[in-house]
Protein backbone atom coordinates (compact mmCIF):
# COMPACT_ATOMS: atom_id res chain seq x y z
CA MET A 1 11.67 -4.44 -15.08
CA SER A 2 10.27 -6.47 -17.96
CA GLY A 3 7.96 -9.47 -18.13
CA SER A 4 4.64 -10.10 -16.42
CA LEU A 5 3.85 -7.78 -13.56
CA GLU A 6 3.30 -9.43 -10.17
CA VAL A 7 2.31 -7.90 -6.85
CA PHE A 8 3.05 -9.04 -3.30
CA VAL A 9 -0.11 -9.48 -1.24
CA LEU A 10 -0.92 -10.55 2.31
CA HIS A 11 -3.92 -12.57 3.52
CA ARG A 12 -5.03 -11.07 6.83
CA VAL A 13 -5.78 -13.34 9.78
CA ALA A 14 -9.40 -14.08 10.66
CA GLY A 15 -9.14 -12.46 14.09
CA MET A 16 -8.44 -8.92 12.87
CA ALA A 17 -10.97 -6.28 13.96
CA PHE A 18 -10.80 -4.65 10.52
CA ALA A 19 -10.89 -6.58 7.22
CA PRO A 20 -10.46 -10.12 8.64
CA SER A 21 -9.54 -12.83 6.12
CA VAL A 22 -9.11 -10.24 3.37
CA THR A 23 -6.24 -10.09 0.87
CA VAL A 24 -4.42 -6.75 0.97
CA PHE A 25 -1.20 -5.01 0.01
CA PRO A 26 1.43 -4.39 2.71
CA GLY A 27 0.72 -1.11 4.47
CA GLY A 28 -0.66 0.65 7.52
CA GLY A 29 -1.11 4.02 9.18
CA VAL A 30 1.16 7.02 9.64
CA ASP A 31 3.06 6.84 12.93
CA VAL A 32 4.13 9.79 15.06
CA THR A 33 7.76 9.01 14.18
CA ASP A 34 7.13 9.18 10.42
CA ASP A 35 7.39 12.97 10.29
CA GLY A 36 10.81 13.02 11.93
CA ASP A 37 14.20 13.84 10.45
CA VAL A 38 14.51 10.75 8.23
CA PRO A 39 17.74 10.46 6.18
CA TRP A 40 16.42 10.99 2.66
CA ARG A 41 17.46 10.98 -0.96
CA GLY A 42 15.42 11.32 -4.15
CA PRO A 43 12.51 13.72 -4.82
CA ASP A 44 12.00 15.92 -1.76
CA ARG A 45 8.89 16.53 0.33
CA GLN A 46 7.91 19.57 -1.74
CA TRP A 47 7.94 17.43 -4.90
CA TRP A 48 5.86 14.77 -3.20
CA ALA A 49 3.40 17.39 -1.94
CA ALA A 50 2.66 18.35 -5.54
CA GLU A 51 2.51 14.68 -6.55
CA LEU A 52 0.05 13.73 -3.80
CA GLY A 53 -1.91 16.98 -3.62
CA THR A 54 -1.13 17.68 0.01
CA THR A 55 1.29 19.60 2.25
CA PRO A 56 5.03 18.87 2.29
CA GLU A 57 4.77 17.76 5.93
CA LEU A 58 1.99 15.26 5.26
CA ALA A 59 3.54 14.12 1.98
CA GLY A 60 6.82 13.37 3.75
CA ALA A 61 5.02 11.45 6.49
CA LEU A 62 3.08 9.42 3.91
CA VAL A 63 6.24 8.44 2.04
CA VAL A 64 8.05 7.50 5.25
CA ALA A 65 5.04 5.51 6.47
CA ALA A 66 4.85 3.61 3.17
CA VAL A 67 8.55 2.73 3.33
CA ARG A 68 8.39 1.79 7.02
CA GLU A 69 5.27 -0.39 6.76
CA LEU A 70 6.65 -2.21 3.73
CA PHE A 71 9.89 -2.84 5.62
CA GLU A 72 8.08 -4.05 8.74
CA GLU A 73 5.65 -6.38 6.99
CA SER A 74 7.76 -7.78 4.15
CA GLY A 75 11.41 -6.97 4.86
CA VAL A 76 11.69 -4.93 1.64
CA LEU A 77 13.52 -1.64 2.24
CA LEU A 78 13.29 1.25 -0.23
CA ALA A 79 16.62 2.85 0.62
CA ASP A 80 20.14 3.23 -0.74
CA GLY A 81 21.25 0.00 0.89
CA PRO A 82 20.02 -2.86 3.09
CA LEU A 83 19.56 -3.00 6.85
CA PRO A 84 20.02 -6.10 9.03
CA GLU A 85 17.00 -8.06 10.21
CA SER A 86 17.66 -6.83 13.75
CA ALA A 87 16.98 -3.27 12.57
CA ARG A 88 13.66 -4.30 11.04
CA VAL A 89 12.63 -6.00 14.27
CA GLN A 90 13.50 -2.87 16.26
CA VAL A 91 11.28 -0.77 14.01
CA ALA A 92 8.43 -3.30 14.02
CA ASP A 93 8.58 -3.55 17.82
CA HIS A 94 8.61 0.27 18.15
CA ARG A 95 11.97 0.20 19.91
CA SER A 96 13.55 2.40 17.22
CA SER A 97 12.12 4.63 14.52
CA LEU A 98 12.92 4.16 10.86
CA ALA A 99 14.88 7.42 11.01
CA GLN A 100 17.02 6.08 13.86
CA VAL A 101 17.93 2.77 12.24
CA LEU A 102 18.67 4.40 8.88
CA ALA A 103 20.98 6.95 10.54
CA ARG A 104 22.61 4.28 12.70
CA HIS A 105 23.61 2.26 9.63
CA GLY A 106 24.41 5.18 7.34
CA ARG A 107 21.44 4.57 5.02
CA ARG A 108 18.93 6.91 3.42
CA LEU A 109 15.32 6.38 2.42
CA ASP A 110 15.13 6.55 -1.38
CA SER A 111 11.88 8.25 -2.38
CA GLY A 112 12.76 7.81 -6.05
CA LEU A 113 11.93 4.10 -5.74
CA LEU A 114 8.27 4.94 -5.07
CA ARG A 115 5.54 6.52 -7.11
CA GLY A 116 2.16 7.77 -5.98
CA TRP A 117 -0.81 5.86 -7.38
CA ALA A 118 -4.17 6.68 -5.76
CA ASN A 119 -5.95 8.24 -2.77
CA TRP A 120 -9.17 6.63 -1.49
CA ILE A 121 -11.37 8.04 1.28
CA THR A 122 -14.04 6.00 3.08
CA PRO A 123 -17.57 7.30 2.40
CA VAL A 124 -19.28 9.40 5.08
CA GLY A 125 -21.43 7.42 7.48
CA TYR A 126 -19.12 4.49 8.17
CA PRO A 127 -18.04 4.04 11.83
CA ARG A 128 -14.42 3.45 10.76
CA ARG A 129 -13.11 5.80 8.06
CA TYR A 130 -9.73 6.00 6.29
CA ASP A 131 -7.89 8.43 4.03
CA THR A 132 -5.55 6.02 2.25
CA PHE A 133 -2.76 6.69 -0.24
CA PHE A 134 -1.49 3.89 -2.48
CA PHE A 135 2.05 3.69 -3.86
CA VAL A 136 3.80 1.46 -6.40
CA ALA A 137 7.43 0.39 -6.02
CA ALA A 138 9.68 -2.05 -7.87
CA LEU A 139 11.33 -4.74 -5.76
CA PRO A 140 14.95 -3.57 -5.26
CA GLU A 141 17.58 -5.87 -6.72
CA GLY A 142 18.86 -8.41 -4.24
CA GLN A 143 15.86 -8.14 -1.89
CA GLN A 144 13.10 -10.67 -1.26
CA ALA A 145 9.58 -10.05 0.03
CA GLN A 146 8.50 -12.29 2.92
CA LEU A 147 5.58 -12.60 5.32
CA LEU A 148 6.89 -10.90 8.47
CA THR A 149 3.74 -9.59 10.16
CA THR A 150 1.45 -11.36 12.62
CA GLU A 151 -1.50 -9.52 11.08
CA ALA A 152 -1.41 -11.90 8.11
CA GLU A 153 -1.36 -15.68 7.80
CA SER A 154 0.25 -15.87 4.36
CA GLY A 155 1.97 -13.76 1.74
CA ARG A 156 2.64 -14.41 -1.93
CA TRP A 157 3.43 -12.97 -5.34
CA ALA A 158 0.69 -13.17 -7.97
CA THR A 159 -0.36 -11.42 -11.15
CA PRO A 160 -3.26 -8.96 -10.97
CA THR A 161 -5.09 -11.16 -13.48
CA ASP A 162 -4.83 -14.24 -11.26
CA LEU A 163 -5.92 -12.37 -8.12
CA LEU A 164 -8.90 -10.82 -9.89
CA ALA A 165 -9.89 -14.23 -11.25
CA GLU A 166 -9.78 -15.73 -7.74
CA HIS A 167 -11.92 -12.90 -6.47
CA GLU A 168 -14.42 -13.37 -9.29
CA ALA A 169 -14.59 -17.07 -8.45
CA GLY A 170 -15.41 -16.23 -4.85
CA THR A 171 -12.25 -17.75 -3.37
CA LEU A 172 -10.49 -14.49 -2.47
CA ALA A 173 -11.98 -11.55 -0.56
CA MET A 174 -10.61 -8.08 -1.32
CA MET A 175 -11.62 -4.51 -0.53
CA PRO A 176 -12.74 -2.20 -3.37
CA PRO A 177 -9.53 -0.08 -3.35
CA THR A 178 -7.41 -3.24 -3.68
CA LEU A 179 -9.56 -4.42 -6.57
CA ALA A 180 -9.28 -1.02 -8.27
CA MET A 181 -5.47 -1.04 -7.95
CA LEU A 182 -5.31 -4.54 -9.42
CA MET A 183 -7.56 -3.51 -12.31
CA ASP A 184 -5.26 -0.56 -13.03
CA LEU A 185 -2.16 -2.74 -12.95
CA GLN A 186 -3.78 -5.45 -15.04
CA GLU A 187 -4.54 -2.88 -17.73
CA ILE A 188 -0.98 -1.52 -17.67
CA GLY A 189 0.49 -5.01 -17.84
CA SER A 190 4.19 -4.51 -17.06
CA LEU A 191 6.28 -3.15 -14.22
CA ARG A 192 8.15 -0.84 -16.55
CA GLU A 193 4.92 0.78 -17.70
CA ALA A 194 3.55 0.95 -14.15
CA MET A 195 6.61 2.86 -12.99
CA ARG A 196 6.64 5.35 -15.85
CA THR A 197 2.95 5.85 -16.73
CA PRO A 198 1.86 9.36 -15.67
CA ARG A 199 -0.57 9.36 -12.73
CA LYS A 200 -2.60 12.15 -11.19
CA VAL A 201 -3.33 11.36 -7.55
CA VAL A 202 -6.65 12.91 -6.58
CA PRO A 203 -8.94 12.06 -3.64
CA MET A 204 -11.63 9.56 -4.55
CA MET A 205 -14.60 8.98 -2.24
CA PRO A 206 -16.99 6.18 -3.25
CA THR A 207 -20.73 6.79 -3.18
CA VAL A 208 -23.35 4.24 -2.15
CA VAL A 209 -25.50 3.43 -5.21
CA SER A 210 -27.69 0.66 -3.78
CA LYS A 211 -31.07 1.39 -2.19
CA ALA A 212 -32.29 0.42 1.25
CA GLY A 213 -32.79 -3.34 1.47
CA GLU A 214 -30.60 -4.07 -1.56
CA PRO A 215 -27.10 -5.64 -1.44
CA LEU A 216 -24.63 -2.87 -0.60
CA GLN A 217 -22.88 -1.47 -3.67
CA ILE A 218 -20.53 1.48 -4.02
CA GLN A 219 -19.39 3.34 -7.09
CA VAL A 220 -16.17 5.26 -7.70
CA ASP A 221 -14.33 6.39 -10.80
CA GLY A 222 -16.97 4.78 -13.01
CA ARG A 223 -16.61 1.37 -11.34
CA THR A 224 -19.20 -0.41 -9.19
CA PHE A 225 -18.23 -2.77 -6.39
CA ASP A 226 -20.52 -5.20 -4.59
CA LEU A 227 -19.45 -5.22 -0.94
CA ARG A 228 -21.00 -8.62 -0.31
CA SER A 229 -17.83 -10.08 -1.86
CA HIS A 230 -15.46 -8.22 0.46
CA GLY A 231 -16.47 -9.56 3.84
CA HIS A 232 -18.64 -6.52 4.75
């Protein structure tokens, strides 16, 4: 876990109803199957509840959702062993839950491979609002991240510095939370430090700081973001 830190990002297709043509991290929403009896090792749901500032039930569902979405979209599995591609397809097609394929192959989700990073909530007044938790995970040895979702047209590894530079140049659209995560990781600099630096996950809700008629700007955690650059 040494050397320059890189992140795996996806460029969403132009036809998406939400955030079209925007560069994002793999992820998605909590599914009804994510709170099931998932084979599990590592810090338990009670530990994660304290880490994420929520209930054990929701914390468990968030961790499972993060692992499942990463598996579906990139093929990377945070567990105590690999699963065949056929298992990933079954989960992605909603023919089996993550819990079912893990149990079927004698594998367990490994929550110790993840760490909580941030919690962003969409400001009041937007027609589509999200309560989003961000996690960091190291790529398990022997695995390879790939573009495996139809919601994106490309996927790649890049340093936070390079992605931020592309955004600044106007060639890469990203949402404010993605930018904030990249800024954090750029400051930390290495994967080793990212995985061991203490984090306190608290809800952050941006506030609109621009006036009527001005370009839309939001502010959160002392940072200001101009939404004109994010496709909004």
